[in-house]
Amino acid sequence: MIRFWQRLTRATQQGPDTDIRTLVRREFGLRVGQRRAYDEALTHSSMLDGDKTGLKSNERLEFLGDVVLDMTMANYLYRAFPDAQEGELTKRKSRIVNRKNLNLLGKNMGLHHLIQAKMRREDIHDSMVGNALEALIGAIYLDHGFKKTQRAVLLMLKHYGLDEQVNETHDFKSQLHQWATKRKKKLAFEVLKDDDSAGEERYEIAAKVNGEVYGIGIGRSKKLAEQEAARRAWKKVYDRRTASGGGNKRANADKPQESSGEGRRSRGSGSSRRRRPSKPKASTSSRAASTSDKAAPKEGSKPRSGRSRSRRSGGNKSSDATNSTKA
């Protein structure tokens, strides 16, 4: 990220451009053909107050440049990330095509020094610069067509750190840090190789957890290499977690198989018991015993009925005695 901001300050360090031709050639690598469109792109609406020459502001070109920039980034992301879904592509695009970023890009190009407005130079706010950048892209589109404009805009954005911003994935690093913090593990990123022999810097960085290499990333900057290392390390962590979870599932899956085997063995032993002749005899004797037990209560019930009869007869005797005394 530091390298990105350093590149953004390049234009201000070199000093402002005095002509739009110089800026377009330096930032986009193109020559200005239709000068009128570029002059319109730099004209703020405040210049129309009291004008009778038919001057036009940059608002229409701003609308056109916004669409061209959106289409350029959408086409780039669609081809650069073939497996990404709509939501991810939208997030990546919003990191580049947003008001704050465009304002910063235009300002660090020195575009605010070329804007024509009825106000002091120091009163030109950042949103006016971002709008002028979109209008400038619209003017380039009218001058050179979509293919050249698309290529020129991508080259400009890549020079200002497009790859770093688009490939910036905070999720992997944050998830990896959270995982390491919860488990009290030490997470570190170590530079394994810093190669600029081919005229372009190339870094190789390892993500280490407690000294063990979990992922290695390669990129044109340290940030890109760290992000790639973090992505690979998080994939390894995720694979280990799913493997441990899968092992439990397999162990649990084995348990039902063992129980089903025991059930099959018990059914087999039960079938062998049916072949034994002694088992039915025991069952018949038990049935006989149970029938005798059932008969016993019936025999015991007779005394109860006898006792009830005696009580009834006793009751009759007492009634007879009372009758005799009355006589």
C-alpha atoms as a PDB file:
ATOM      1  CA  MET A   1       0.000   0.000   0.000  1.00  0.00           C
ATOM      2  CA  ILE A   2       2.936   2.357   0.675  1.00  0.00           C
ATOM      3  CA  ARG A   3       4.210   1.813  -2.850  1.00  0.00           C
ATOM      4  CA  PHE A   4       0.763   2.686  -4.194  1.00  0.00           C
ATOM      5  CA  TRP A   5       0.655   6.025  -2.374  1.00  0.00           C
ATOM      6  CA  GLN A   6       4.214   6.760  -3.443  1.00  0.00           C
ATOM      7  CA  ARG A   7       3.251   6.331  -7.070  1.00  0.00           C
ATOM      8  CA  LEU A   8       0.231   8.570  -6.582  1.00  0.00           C
ATOM      9  CA  THR A   9       2.473  11.450  -5.513  1.00  0.00           C
ATOM     10  CA  ARG A  10       4.635  11.207  -8.634  1.00  0.00           C
ATOM     11  CA  ALA A  11       2.844  13.953 -10.588  1.00  0.00           C
ATOM     12  CA  THR A  12       2.876  16.442  -7.750  1.00  0.00           C
ATOM     13  CA  GLN A  13       6.577  15.842  -7.185  1.00  0.00           C
ATOM     14  CA  GLN A  14       7.372  16.552 -10.848  1.00  0.00           C
ATOM     15  CA  GLY A  15       5.308  19.727 -10.932  1.00  0.00           C
ATOM     16  CA  PRO A  16       2.035  20.562 -12.721  1.00  0.00           C
ATOM     17  CA  ASP A  17       1.582  20.263 -16.463  1.00  0.00           C
ATOM     18  CA  THR A  18       0.940  23.477 -18.344  1.00  0.00           C
ATOM     19  CA  ASP A  19      -0.926  21.825 -21.202  1.00  0.00           C
ATOM     20  CA  ILE A  20      -3.412  18.967 -21.545  1.00  0.00           C
ATOM     21  CA  ARG A  21      -1.351  17.440 -24.364  1.00  0.00           C
ATOM     22  CA  THR A  22       1.558  16.791 -22.030  1.00  0.00           C
ATOM     23  CA  LEU A  23      -0.656  15.213 -19.374  1.00  0.00           C
ATOM     24  CA  VAL A  24      -2.458  12.905 -21.810  1.00  0.00           C
ATOM     25  CA  ARG A  25       0.809  11.797 -23.386  1.00  0.00           C
ATOM     26  CA  ARG A  26       2.458  11.130 -20.028  1.00  0.00           C
ATOM     27  CA  GLU A  27      -0.465   9.481 -18.215  1.00  0.00           C
ATOM     28  CA  PHE A  28      -2.255   7.680 -21.061  1.00  0.00           C
ATOM     29  CA  GLY A  29       0.415   7.341 -23.729  1.00  0.00           C
ATOM     30  CA  LEU A  30      -1.803   8.948 -26.392  1.00  0.00           C
ATOM     31  CA  ARG A  31      -1.693  12.068 -28.540  1.00  0.00           C
ATOM     32  CA  VAL A  32      -4.423  14.683 -28.476  1.00  0.00           C
ATOM     33  CA  GLY A  33      -6.317  14.847 -31.775  1.00  0.00           C
ATOM     34  CA  GLN A  34      -9.621  16.613 -31.166  1.00  0.00           C
ATOM     35  CA  ARG A  35      -8.482  19.401 -28.875  1.00  0.00           C
ATOM     36  CA  ARG A  36     -11.978  20.774 -28.495  1.00  0.00           C
ATOM     37  CA  ALA A  37     -13.186  17.676 -26.625  1.00  0.00           C
ATOM     38  CA  TYR A  38     -10.305  17.949 -24.145  1.00  0.00           C
ATOM     39  CA  ASP A  39     -10.944  21.626 -23.539  1.00  0.00           C
ATOM     40  CA  GLU A  40     -14.570  20.772 -22.819  1.00  0.00           C
ATOM     41  CA  ALA A  41     -13.463  18.061 -20.379  1.00  0.00           C
ATOM     42  CA  LEU A  42     -11.582  20.676 -18.361  1.00  0.00           C
ATOM     43  CA  THR A  43     -14.408  23.251 -18.278  1.00  0.00           C
ATOM     44  CA  HIS A  44     -16.326  23.491 -15.013  1.00  0.00           C
ATOM     45  CA  SER A  45     -19.996  24.495 -15.040  1.00  0.00           C
ATOM     46  CA  SER A  46     -19.153  27.719 -13.209  1.00  0.00           C
ATOM     47  CA  MET A  47     -17.612  29.001 -16.457  1.00  0.00           C
ATOM     48  CA  LEU A  48     -21.070  29.062 -18.078  1.00  0.00           C
ATOM     49  CA  ASP A  49     -22.307  31.909 -15.869  1.00  0.00           C
ATOM     50  CA  GLY A  50     -22.753  34.895 -18.162  1.00  0.00           C
ATOM     51  CA  ASP A  51     -21.159  33.162 -21.153  1.00  0.00           C
ATOM     52  CA  LYS A  52     -22.680  33.909 -24.564  1.00  0.00           C
ATOM     53  CA  THR A  53     -20.205  32.034 -26.767  1.00  0.00           C
ATOM     54  CA  GLY A  54     -21.908  28.646 -26.479  1.00  0.00           C
ATOM     55  CA  LEU A  55     -19.350  27.208 -24.063  1.00  0.00           C
ATOM     56  CA  LYS A  56     -20.099  23.707 -22.757  1.00  0.00           C
ATOM     57  CA  SER A  57     -19.238  22.263 -19.374  1.00  0.00           C
ATOM     58  CA  ASN A  58     -17.687  18.850 -18.796  1.00  0.00           C
ATOM     59  CA  GLU A  59     -20.860  17.296 -17.333  1.00  0.00           C
ATOM     60  CA  ARG A  60     -21.860  15.401 -20.488  1.00  0.00           C
ATOM     61  CA  LEU A  61     -18.315  14.100 -20.988  1.00  0.00           C
ATOM     62  CA  GLU A  62     -18.247  13.137 -17.317  1.00  0.00           C
ATOM     63  CA  PHE A  63     -21.302  10.947 -17.891  1.00  0.00           C
ATOM     64  CA  LEU A  64     -19.676   9.354 -20.950  1.00  0.00           C
ATOM     65  CA  GLY A  65     -16.324   8.813 -19.238  1.00  0.00           C
ATOM     66  CA  ASP A  66     -18.002   7.186 -16.241  1.00  0.00           C
ATOM     67  CA  VAL A  67     -19.618   4.587 -18.503  1.00  0.00           C
ATOM     68  CA  VAL A  68     -16.354   3.979 -20.416  1.00  0.00           C
ATOM     69  CA  LEU A  69     -14.434   3.522 -17.149  1.00  0.00           C
ATOM     70  CA  ASP A  70     -17.061   1.118 -15.789  1.00  0.00           C
ATOM     71  CA  MET A  71     -17.004  -0.916 -19.008  1.00  0.00           C
ATOM     72  CA  THR A  72     -13.201  -0.966 -19.047  1.00  0.00           C
ATOM     73  CA  MET A  73     -12.963  -2.251 -15.488  1.00  0.00           C
ATOM     74  CA  ALA A  74     -15.820  -4.726 -15.929  1.00  0.00           C
ATOM     75  CA  ASN A  75     -14.174  -6.216 -19.023  1.00  0.00           C
ATOM     76  CA  TYR A  76     -10.787  -6.370 -17.306  1.00  0.00           C
ATOM     77  CA  LEU A  77     -12.117  -8.065 -14.160  1.00  0.00           C
ATOM     78  CA  TYR A  78     -14.316 -10.473 -16.129  1.00  0.00           C
ATOM     79  CA  ARG A  79     -11.279 -11.759 -18.019  1.00  0.00           C
ATOM     80  CA  ALA A  80      -8.778 -11.562 -15.156  1.00  0.00           C
ATOM     81  CA  PHE A  81     -10.934 -13.521 -12.674  1.00  0.00           C
ATOM     82  CA  PRO A  82     -12.822 -16.207 -14.628  1.00  0.00           C
ATOM     83  CA  ASP A  83     -13.982 -18.039 -11.478  1.00  0.00           C
ATOM     84  CA  ALA A  84     -15.169 -14.973  -9.536  1.00  0.00           C
ATOM     85  CA  GLN A  85     -18.880 -14.484  -8.960  1.00  0.00           C
ATOM     86  CA  GLU A  86     -20.839 -11.262  -9.440  1.00  0.00           C
ATOM     87  CA  GLY A  87     -20.503 -10.072  -5.853  1.00  0.00           C
ATOM     88  CA  GLU A  88     -16.741 -10.527  -5.790  1.00  0.00           C
ATOM     89  CA  LEU A  89     -16.317  -8.776  -9.152  1.00  0.00           C
ATOM     90  CA  THR A  90     -18.410  -5.853  -7.926  1.00  0.00           C
ATOM     91  CA  LYS A  91     -16.282  -5.504  -4.785  1.00  0.00           C
ATOM     92  CA  ARG A  92     -13.082  -5.549  -6.802  1.00  0.00           C
ATOM     93  CA  LYS A  93     -14.410  -2.929  -9.210  1.00  0.00           C
ATOM     94  CA  SER A  94     -15.532  -0.668  -6.388  1.00  0.00           C
ATOM     95  CA  ARG A  95     -11.973  -0.528  -5.078  1.00  0.00           C
ATOM     96  CA  ILE A  96     -10.971   1.316  -8.260  1.00  0.00           C
ATOM     97  CA  VAL A  97     -14.107   3.033  -9.558  1.00  0.00           C
ATOM     98  CA  ASN A  98     -15.101   5.031  -6.509  1.00  0.00           C
ATOM     99  CA  ARG A  99     -15.294   8.757  -5.924  1.00  0.00           C
ATOM    100  CA  LYS A 100     -12.454   8.961  -3.409  1.00  0.00           C
ATOM    101  CA  ASN A 101     -10.031   7.024  -5.586  1.00  0.00           C
ATOM    102  CA  LEU A 102     -10.856   8.993  -8.745  1.00  0.00           C
ATOM    103  CA  ASN A 103     -10.468  12.283  -6.879  1.00  0.00           C
ATOM    104  CA  LEU A 104      -7.072  11.175  -5.644  1.00  0.00           C
ATOM    105  CA  LEU A 105      -5.960   9.944  -9.058  1.00  0.00           C
ATOM    106  CA  GLY A 106      -6.927  13.189 -10.777  1.00  0.00           C
ATOM    107  CA  LYS A 107      -5.301  15.331  -8.134  1.00  0.00           C
ATOM    108  CA  ASN A 108      -2.028  13.434  -8.191  1.00  0.00           C
ATOM    109  CA  MET A 109      -1.946  13.641 -11.988  1.00  0.00           C
ATOM    110  CA  GLY A 110      -1.999  17.389 -11.558  1.00  0.00           C
ATOM    111  CA  LEU A 111      -5.340  17.643 -13.324  1.00  0.00           C
ATOM    112  CA  HIS A 112      -6.615  20.317 -10.937  1.00  0.00           C
ATOM    113  CA  HIS A 113      -4.056  22.759 -12.330  1.00  0.00           C
ATOM    114  CA  LEU A 114      -5.730  22.553 -15.777  1.00  0.00           C
ATOM    115  CA  ILE A 115      -9.406  22.871 -14.759  1.00  0.00           C
ATOM    116  CA  GLN A 116     -11.093  26.042 -15.975  1.00  0.00           C
ATOM    117  CA  ALA A 117     -13.415  27.410 -13.261  1.00  0.00           C
ATOM    118  CA  LYS A 118     -14.575  30.782 -11.943  1.00  0.00           C
ATOM    119  CA  MET A 119     -12.966  30.336  -8.560  1.00  0.00           C
ATOM    120  CA  ARG A 120      -9.578  30.466  -7.009  1.00  0.00           C
ATOM    121  CA  ARG A 121      -7.299  27.525  -7.704  1.00  0.00           C
ATOM    122  CA  GLU A 122      -7.170  26.586  -4.034  1.00  0.00           C
ATOM    123  CA  ASP A 123     -10.994  26.532  -3.883  1.00  0.00           C
ATOM    124  CA  ILE A 124     -11.266  23.691  -6.409  1.00  0.00           C
ATOM    125  CA  HIS A 125     -12.394  20.757  -4.297  1.00  0.00           C
ATOM    126  CA  ASP A 126     -11.491  17.124  -4.847  1.00  0.00           C
ATOM    127  CA  SER A 127     -14.805  16.037  -6.388  1.00  0.00           C
ATOM    128  CA  MET A 128     -14.328  18.541  -9.201  1.00  0.00           C
ATOM    129  CA  VAL A 129     -10.981  16.905 -10.006  1.00  0.00           C
ATOM    130  CA  GLY A 130     -12.500  13.414 -10.041  1.00  0.00           C
ATOM    131  CA  ASN A 131     -15.302  14.598 -12.322  1.00  0.00           C
ATOM    132  CA  ALA A 132     -12.723  16.169 -14.650  1.00  0.00           C
ATOM    133  CA  LEU A 133     -10.838  12.845 -14.805  1.00  0.00           C
ATOM    134  CA  GLU A 134     -14.005  11.025 -15.895  1.00  0.00           C
ATOM    135  CA  ALA A 135     -14.672  13.773 -18.456  1.00  0.00           C
ATOM    136  CA  LEU A 136     -11.101  13.405 -19.717  1.00  0.00           C
ATOM    137  CA  ILE A 137     -11.647   9.664 -20.241  1.00  0.00           C
ATOM    138  CA  GLY A 138     -14.805  10.534 -22.167  1.00  0.00           C
ATOM    139  CA  ALA A 139     -12.814  12.946 -24.361  1.00  0.00           C
ATOM    140  CA  ILE A 140     -10.178  10.247 -25.016  1.00  0.00           C
ATOM    141  CA  TYR A 141     -12.964   7.869 -26.015  1.00  0.00           C
ATOM    142  CA  LEU A 142     -14.344  10.372 -28.554  1.00  0.00           C
ATOM    143  CA  ASP A 143     -10.844  10.984 -29.872  1.00  0.00           C
ATOM    144  CA  HIS A 144      -9.498   7.413 -30.089  1.00  0.00           C
ATOM    145  CA  GLY A 145     -12.418   4.979 -29.760  1.00  0.00           C
ATOM    146  CA  PHE A 146     -13.080   2.349 -27.119  1.00  0.00           C
ATOM    147  CA  LYS A 147     -10.230  -0.122 -27.749  1.00  0.00           C
ATOM    148  CA  LYS A 148      -7.443   2.441 -27.524  1.00  0.00           C
ATOM    149  CA  THR A 149      -9.140   4.167 -24.598  1.00  0.00           C
ATOM    150  CA  GLN A 150      -9.550   0.888 -22.757  1.00  0.00           C
ATOM    151  CA  ARG A 151      -5.893  -0.003 -23.229  1.00  0.00           C
ATOM    152  CA  ALA A 152      -4.720   3.494 -22.245  1.00  0.00           C
ATOM    153  CA  VAL A 153      -6.911   3.623 -19.118  1.00  0.00           C
ATOM    154  CA  LEU A 154      -5.723   0.182 -17.978  1.00  0.00           C
ATOM    155  CA  LEU A 155      -2.081   1.181 -18.448  1.00  0.00           C
ATOM    156  CA  MET A 156      -2.677   4.325 -16.407  1.00  0.00           C
ATOM    157  CA  LEU A 157      -4.465   2.435 -13.634  1.00  0.00           C
ATOM    158  CA  LYS A 158      -1.816  -0.287 -13.509  1.00  0.00           C
ATOM    159  CA  HIS A 159       0.873   2.355 -13.211  1.00  0.00           C
ATOM    160  CA  TYR A 160      -0.967   3.727 -10.163  1.00  0.00           C
ATOM    161  CA  GLY A 161      -1.363   0.299  -8.542  1.00  0.00           C
ATOM    162  CA  LEU A 162      -4.393  -1.308 -10.183  1.00  0.00           C
ATOM    163  CA  ASP A 163      -3.092  -4.850  -9.609  1.00  0.00           C
ATOM    164  CA  GLU A 164      -2.456  -4.224  -5.929  1.00  0.00           C
ATOM    165  CA  GLN A 165      -5.876  -2.737  -5.333  1.00  0.00           C
ATOM    166  CA  VAL A 166      -7.805  -5.314  -7.343  1.00  0.00           C
ATOM    167  CA  ASN A 167      -5.978  -8.279  -5.809  1.00  0.00           C
ATOM    168  CA  GLU A 168      -6.180  -6.845  -2.329  1.00  0.00           C
ATOM    169  CA  THR A 169      -7.890  -9.542  -0.247  1.00  0.00           C
ATOM    170  CA  HIS A 170      -8.169  -8.540   3.392  1.00  0.00           C
ATOM    171  CA  ASP A 171     -10.318 -11.568   4.136  1.00  0.00           C
ATOM    172  CA  PHE A 172      -7.545 -14.157   3.939  1.00  0.00           C
ATOM    173  CA  LYS A 173      -5.110 -12.203   6.068  1.00  0.00           C
ATOM    174  CA  SER A 174      -7.719 -11.202   8.637  1.00  0.00           C
ATOM    175  CA  GLN A 175      -9.072 -14.737   8.902  1.00  0.00           C
ATOM    176  CA  LEU A 176      -5.541 -16.092   9.199  1.00  0.00           C
ATOM    177  CA  HIS A 177      -4.695 -13.573  11.934  1.00  0.00           C
ATOM    178  CA  GLN A 178      -7.926 -14.365  13.805  1.00  0.00           C
ATOM    179  CA  TRP A 179      -7.234 -18.070  13.565  1.00  0.00           C
ATOM    180  CA  ALA A 180      -3.663 -17.654  14.845  1.00  0.00           C
ATOM    181  CA  THR A 181      -4.733 -15.323  17.674  1.00  0.00           C
ATOM    182  CA  LYS A 182      -7.462 -17.656  18.937  1.00  0.00           C
ATOM    183  CA  ARG A 183      -5.051 -20.589  19.041  1.00  0.00           C
ATOM    184  CA  LYS A 184      -2.167 -18.503  20.403  1.00  0.00           C
ATOM    185  CA  LYS A 185       0.008 -19.227  17.396  1.00  0.00           C
ATOM    186  CA  LYS A 186       2.680 -16.941  15.998  1.00  0.00           C
ATOM    187  CA  LEU A 187       1.996 -15.756  12.442  1.00  0.00           C
ATOM    188  CA  ALA A 188       4.814 -14.167  10.430  1.00  0.00           C
ATOM    189  CA  PHE A 189       5.563 -13.298   6.789  1.00  0.00           C
ATOM    190  CA  GLU A 190       9.148 -13.862   5.676  1.00  0.00           C
ATOM    191  CA  VAL A 191      10.731 -12.642   2.432  1.00  0.00           C
ATOM    192  CA  LEU A 192      12.367 -15.616   0.740  1.00  0.00           C
ATOM    193  CA  LYS A 193      13.464 -13.921  -2.477  1.00  0.00           C
ATOM    194  CA  ASP A 194      13.730 -10.373  -3.771  1.00  0.00           C
ATOM    195  CA  ASP A 195      14.615 -10.537  -7.460  1.00  0.00           C
ATOM    196  CA  ASP A 196      14.870  -7.578  -9.828  1.00  0.00           C
ATOM    197  CA  SER A 197      17.259  -9.105 -12.344  1.00  0.00           C
ATOM    198  CA  ALA A 198      14.726  -8.950 -15.184  1.00  0.00           C
ATOM    199  CA  GLY A 199      14.175  -5.216 -14.683  1.00  0.00           C
ATOM    200  CA  GLU A 200      10.988  -5.856 -12.701  1.00  0.00           C
ATOM    201  CA  GLU A 201      10.785  -6.497  -8.991  1.00  0.00           C
ATOM    202  CA  ARG A 202       9.588  -9.945  -7.995  1.00  0.00           C
ATOM    203  CA  TYR A 203       9.039 -11.077  -4.430  1.00  0.00           C
ATOM    204  CA  GLU A 204       8.616 -14.498  -2.915  1.00  0.00           C
ATOM    205  CA  ILE A 205       7.176 -14.469   0.619  1.00  0.00           C
ATOM    206  CA  ALA A 206       6.315 -17.309   2.984  1.00  0.00           C
ATOM    207  CA  ALA A 207       3.519 -17.258   5.561  1.00  0.00           C
ATOM    208  CA  LYS A 208       4.769 -19.100   8.644  1.00  0.00           C
ATOM    209  CA  VAL A 209       2.803 -20.336  11.640  1.00  0.00           C
ATOM    210  CA  ASN A 210       5.024 -21.158  14.616  1.00  0.00           C
ATOM    211  CA  GLY A 211       7.941 -21.402  12.222  1.00  0.00           C
ATOM    212  CA  GLU A 212       6.187 -23.830   9.855  1.00  0.00           C
ATOM    213  CA  VAL A 213       5.598 -22.714   6.266  1.00  0.00           C
ATOM    214  CA  TYR A 214       1.867 -22.713   5.547  1.00  0.00           C
ATOM    215  CA  GLY A 215       1.911 -20.909   2.194  1.00  0.00           C
ATOM    216  CA  ILE A 216       4.262 -19.233  -0.276  1.00  0.00           C
ATOM    217  CA  GLY A 217       3.228 -16.331  -2.503  1.00  0.00           C
ATOM    218  CA  ILE A 218       4.935 -14.683  -5.469  1.00  0.00           C
ATOM    219  CA  GLY A 219       4.124 -11.177  -6.723  1.00  0.00           C
ATOM    220  CA  ARG A 220       5.462  -8.020  -8.270  1.00  0.00           C
ATOM    221  CA  SER A 221       5.242  -6.316  -4.890  1.00  0.00           C
ATOM    222  CA  LYS A 222       5.531  -7.391  -1.286  1.00  0.00           C
ATOM    223  CA  LYS A 223       1.847  -6.751  -0.715  1.00  0.00           C
ATOM    224  CA  LEU A 224       0.754  -8.968  -3.594  1.00  0.00           C
ATOM    225  CA  ALA A 225       3.159 -11.708  -2.506  1.00  0.00           C
ATOM    226  CA  GLU A 226       1.892 -11.515   1.090  1.00  0.00           C
ATOM    227  CA  GLN A 227      -1.711 -11.690  -0.031  1.00  0.00           C
ATOM    228  CA  GLU A 228      -1.010 -14.761  -2.144  1.00  0.00           C
ATOM    229  CA  ALA A 229       0.908 -16.398   0.716  1.00  0.00           C
ATOM    230  CA  ALA A 230      -1.961 -15.651   3.094  1.00  0.00           C
ATOM    231  CA  ARG A 231      -4.446 -17.137   0.633  1.00  0.00           C
ATOM    232  CA  ARG A 232      -2.449 -20.358   0.328  1.00  0.00           C
ATOM    233  CA  ALA A 233      -1.882 -20.537   4.083  1.00  0.00           C
ATOM    234  CA  TRP A 234      -5.586 -20.081   4.810  1.00  0.00           C
ATOM    235  CA  LYS A 235      -6.376 -22.809   2.282  1.00  0.00           C
ATOM    236  CA  LYS A 236      -4.040 -25.149   4.168  1.00  0.00           C
ATOM    237  CA  VAL A 237      -5.670 -24.237   7.487  1.00  0.00           C
ATOM    238  CA  TYR A 238      -9.103 -24.789   5.976  1.00  0.00           C
ATOM    239  CA  ASP A 239      -8.075 -28.130   4.475  1.00  0.00           C
ATOM    240  CA  ARG A 240      -6.761 -29.306   7.821  1.00  0.00           C
ATOM    241  CA  ARG A 241      -9.941 -28.261   9.585  1.00  0.00           C
ATOM    242  CA  THR A 242     -12.120 -30.023   7.052  1.00  0.00           C
ATOM    243  CA  ALA A 243      -9.860 -33.087   7.187  1.00  0.00           C
ATOM    244  CA  SER A 244     -10.219 -33.299  10.959  1.00  0.00           C
ATOM    245  CA  GLY A 245     -13.951 -32.799  10.667  1.00  0.00           C
ATOM    246  CA  GLY A 246     -14.096 -35.384   7.919  1.00  0.00           C
ATOM    247  CA  GLY A 247     -12.170 -37.844  10.120  1.00  0.00           C
ATOM    248  CA  ASN A 248     -14.793 -37.506  12.839  1.00  0.00           C
ATOM    249  CA  LYS A 249     -17.496 -38.009  10.286  1.00  0.00           C
ATOM    250  CA  ARG A 250     -15.788 -41.154   9.035  1.00  0.00           C
ATOM    251  CA  ALA A 251     -15.399 -42.412  12.598  1.00  0.00           C
ATOM    252  CA  ASN A 252     -19.053 -41.741  13.257  1.00  0.00           C
ATOM    253  CA  ALA A 253     -19.911 -43.381   9.999  1.00  0.00           C
ATOM    254  CA  ASP A 254     -17.962 -46.481  11.060  1.00  0.00           C
ATOM    255  CA  LYS A 255     -19.912 -46.795  14.284  1.00  0.00           C
ATOM    256  CA  PRO A 256     -23.237 -47.480  12.624  1.00  0.00           C
ATOM    257  CA  GLN A 257     -21.557 -50.081  10.452  1.00  0.00           C
ATOM    258  CA  GLU A 258     -20.187 -51.885  13.533  1.00  0.00           C
ATOM    259  CA  SER A 259     -23.559 -51.810  15.254  1.00  0.00           C
ATOM    260  CA  SER A 260     -25.230 -53.111  12.130  1.00  0.00           C
ATOM    261  CA  GLY A 261     -22.676 -55.936  12.027  1.00  0.00           C
ATOM    262  CA  GLU A 262     -23.433 -56.816  15.629  1.00  0.00           C
ATOM    263  CA  GLY A 263     -27.096 -56.799  14.778  1.00  0.00           C
ATOM    264  CA  ARG A 264     -26.475 -59.196  11.943  1.00  0.00           C
ATOM    265  CA  ARG A 265     -24.448 -61.482  14.225  1.00  0.00           C
ATOM    266  CA  SER A 266     -27.157 -61.408  16.898  1.00  0.00           C
ATOM    267  CA  ARG A 267     -29.750 -62.306  14.326  1.00  0.00           C
ATOM    268  CA  GLY A 268     -27.549 -65.155  13.181  1.00  0.00           C
ATOM    269  CA  SER A 269     -27.145 -66.463  16.736  1.00  0.00           C
ATOM    270  CA  GLY A 270     -30.864 -66.169  17.216  1.00  0.00           C
ATOM    271  CA  SER A 271     -31.460 -68.313  14.176  1.00  0.00           C
ATOM    272  CA  SER A 272     -29.066 -70.921  15.581  1.00  0.00           C
ATOM    273  CA  ARG A 273     -31.062 -70.969  18.813  1.00  0.00           C
ATOM    274  CA  ARG A 274     -34.185 -71.769  16.868  1.00  0.00           C
ATOM    275  CA  ARG A 275     -32.565 -74.948  15.605  1.00  0.00           C
ATOM    276  CA  ARG A 276     -31.990 -76.244  19.162  1.00  0.00           C
ATOM    277  CA  PRO A 277     -34.781 -78.611  20.260  1.00  0.00           C
ATOM    278  CA  SER A 278     -34.353 -77.806  23.949  1.00  0.00           C
ATOM    279  CA  LYS A 279     -35.507 -74.254  23.492  1.00  0.00           C
ATOM    280  CA  PRO A 280     -39.087 -75.061  22.498  1.00  0.00           C
ATOM    281  CA  LYS A 281     -39.359 -77.524  25.438  1.00  0.00           C
ATOM    282  CA  ALA A 282     -38.302 -74.837  27.856  1.00  0.00           C
ATOM    283  CA  SER A 283     -40.816 -72.533  26.353  1.00  0.00           C
ATOM    284  CA  THR A 284     -43.652 -75.124  26.714  1.00  0.00           C
ATOM    285  CA  SER A 285     -42.736 -75.787  30.335  1.00  0.00           C
ATOM    286  CA  SER A 286     -42.677 -72.095  30.970  1.00  0.00           C
ATOM    287  CA  ARG A 287     -46.078 -71.814  29.381  1.00  0.00           C
ATOM    288  CA  ALA A 288     -47.317 -74.628  31.633  1.00  0.00           C
ATOM    289  CA  ALA A 289     -45.904 -72.911  34.663  1.00  0.00           C
ATOM    290  CA  SER A 290     -47.528 -69.704  33.646  1.00  0.00           C
ATOM    291  CA  THR A 291     -50.872 -71.452  33.179  1.00  0.00           C
ATOM    292  CA  SER A 292     -50.531 -73.088  36.608  1.00  0.00           C
ATOM    293  CA  ASP A 293     -49.744 -69.718  38.083  1.00  0.00           C
ATOM    294  CA  LYS A 294     -52.781 -68.320  36.416  1.00  0.00           C
ATOM    295  CA  ALA A 295     -54.872 -71.194  37.787  1.00  0.00           C
ATOM    296  CA  ALA A 296     -53.690 -70.639  41.361  1.00  0.00           C
ATOM    297  CA  PRO A 297     -55.299 -67.267  41.726  1.00  0.00           C
ATOM    298  CA  LYS A 298     -58.536 -68.769  40.492  1.00  0.00           C
ATOM    299  CA  GLU A 299     -58.373 -71.403  43.231  1.00  0.00           C
ATOM    300  CA  GLY A 300     -57.575 -68.733  45.768  1.00  0.00           C
ATOM    301  CA  SER A 301     -60.515 -66.781  44.597  1.00  0.00           C
ATOM    302  CA  LYS A 302     -62.859 -69.542  45.762  1.00  0.00           C
ATOM    303  CA  PRO A 303     -62.099 -68.988  49.479  1.00  0.00           C
ATOM    304  CA  ARG A 304     -62.778 -65.340  48.914  1.00  0.00           C
ATOM    305  CA  SER A 305     -66.131 -66.239  47.478  1.00  0.00           C
ATOM    306  CA  GLY A 306     -66.645 -68.678  50.401  1.00  0.00           C
ATOM    307  CA  ARG A 307     -65.755 -66.024  52.874  1.00  0.00           C
ATOM    308  CA  SER A 308     -68.122 -63.692  51.200  1.00  0.00           C
ATOM    309  CA  ARG A 309     -70.803 -66.362  51.340  1.00  0.00           C
ATOM    310  CA  SER A 310     -70.078 -66.993  55.044  1.00  0.00           C
ATOM    311  CA  ARG A 311     -70.323 -63.331  55.685  1.00  0.00           C
ATOM    312  CA  ARG A 312     -73.604 -63.295  53.904  1.00  0.00           C
ATOM    313  CA  SER A 313     -74.803 -66.379  55.815  1.00  0.00           C
ATOM    314  CA  GLY A 314     -73.501 -64.917  59.062  1.00  0.00           C
ATOM    315  CA  GLY A 315     -75.457 -61.874  58.360  1.00  0.00           C
ATOM    316  CA  ASN A 316     -78.554 -64.030  57.968  1.00  0.00           C
ATOM    317  CA  LYS A 317     -77.929 -65.787  61.282  1.00  0.00           C
ATOM    318  CA  SER A 318     -77.715 -62.532  63.151  1.00  0.00           C
ATOM    319  CA  SER A 319     -80.881 -61.374  61.568  1.00  0.00           C
ATOM    320  CA  ASP A 320     -82.585 -64.618  62.666  1.00  0.00           C
ATOM    321  CA  ALA A 321     -81.353 -64.137  66.225  1.00  0.00           C
ATOM    322  CA  THR A 322     -82.777 -60.710  66.419  1.00  0.00           C
ATOM    323  CA  ASN A 323     -86.027 -61.950  65.130  1.00  0.00           C
ATOM    324  CA  SER A 324     -86.148 -64.681  67.844  1.00  0.00           C
ATOM    325  CA  THR A 325     -85.549 -62.211  70.643  1.00  0.00           C
ATOM    326  CA  LYS A 326     -88.329 -60.067  69.404  1.00  0.00           C
ATOM    327  CA  ALA A 327     -90.671 -63.062  69.574  1.00  0.00           C
END
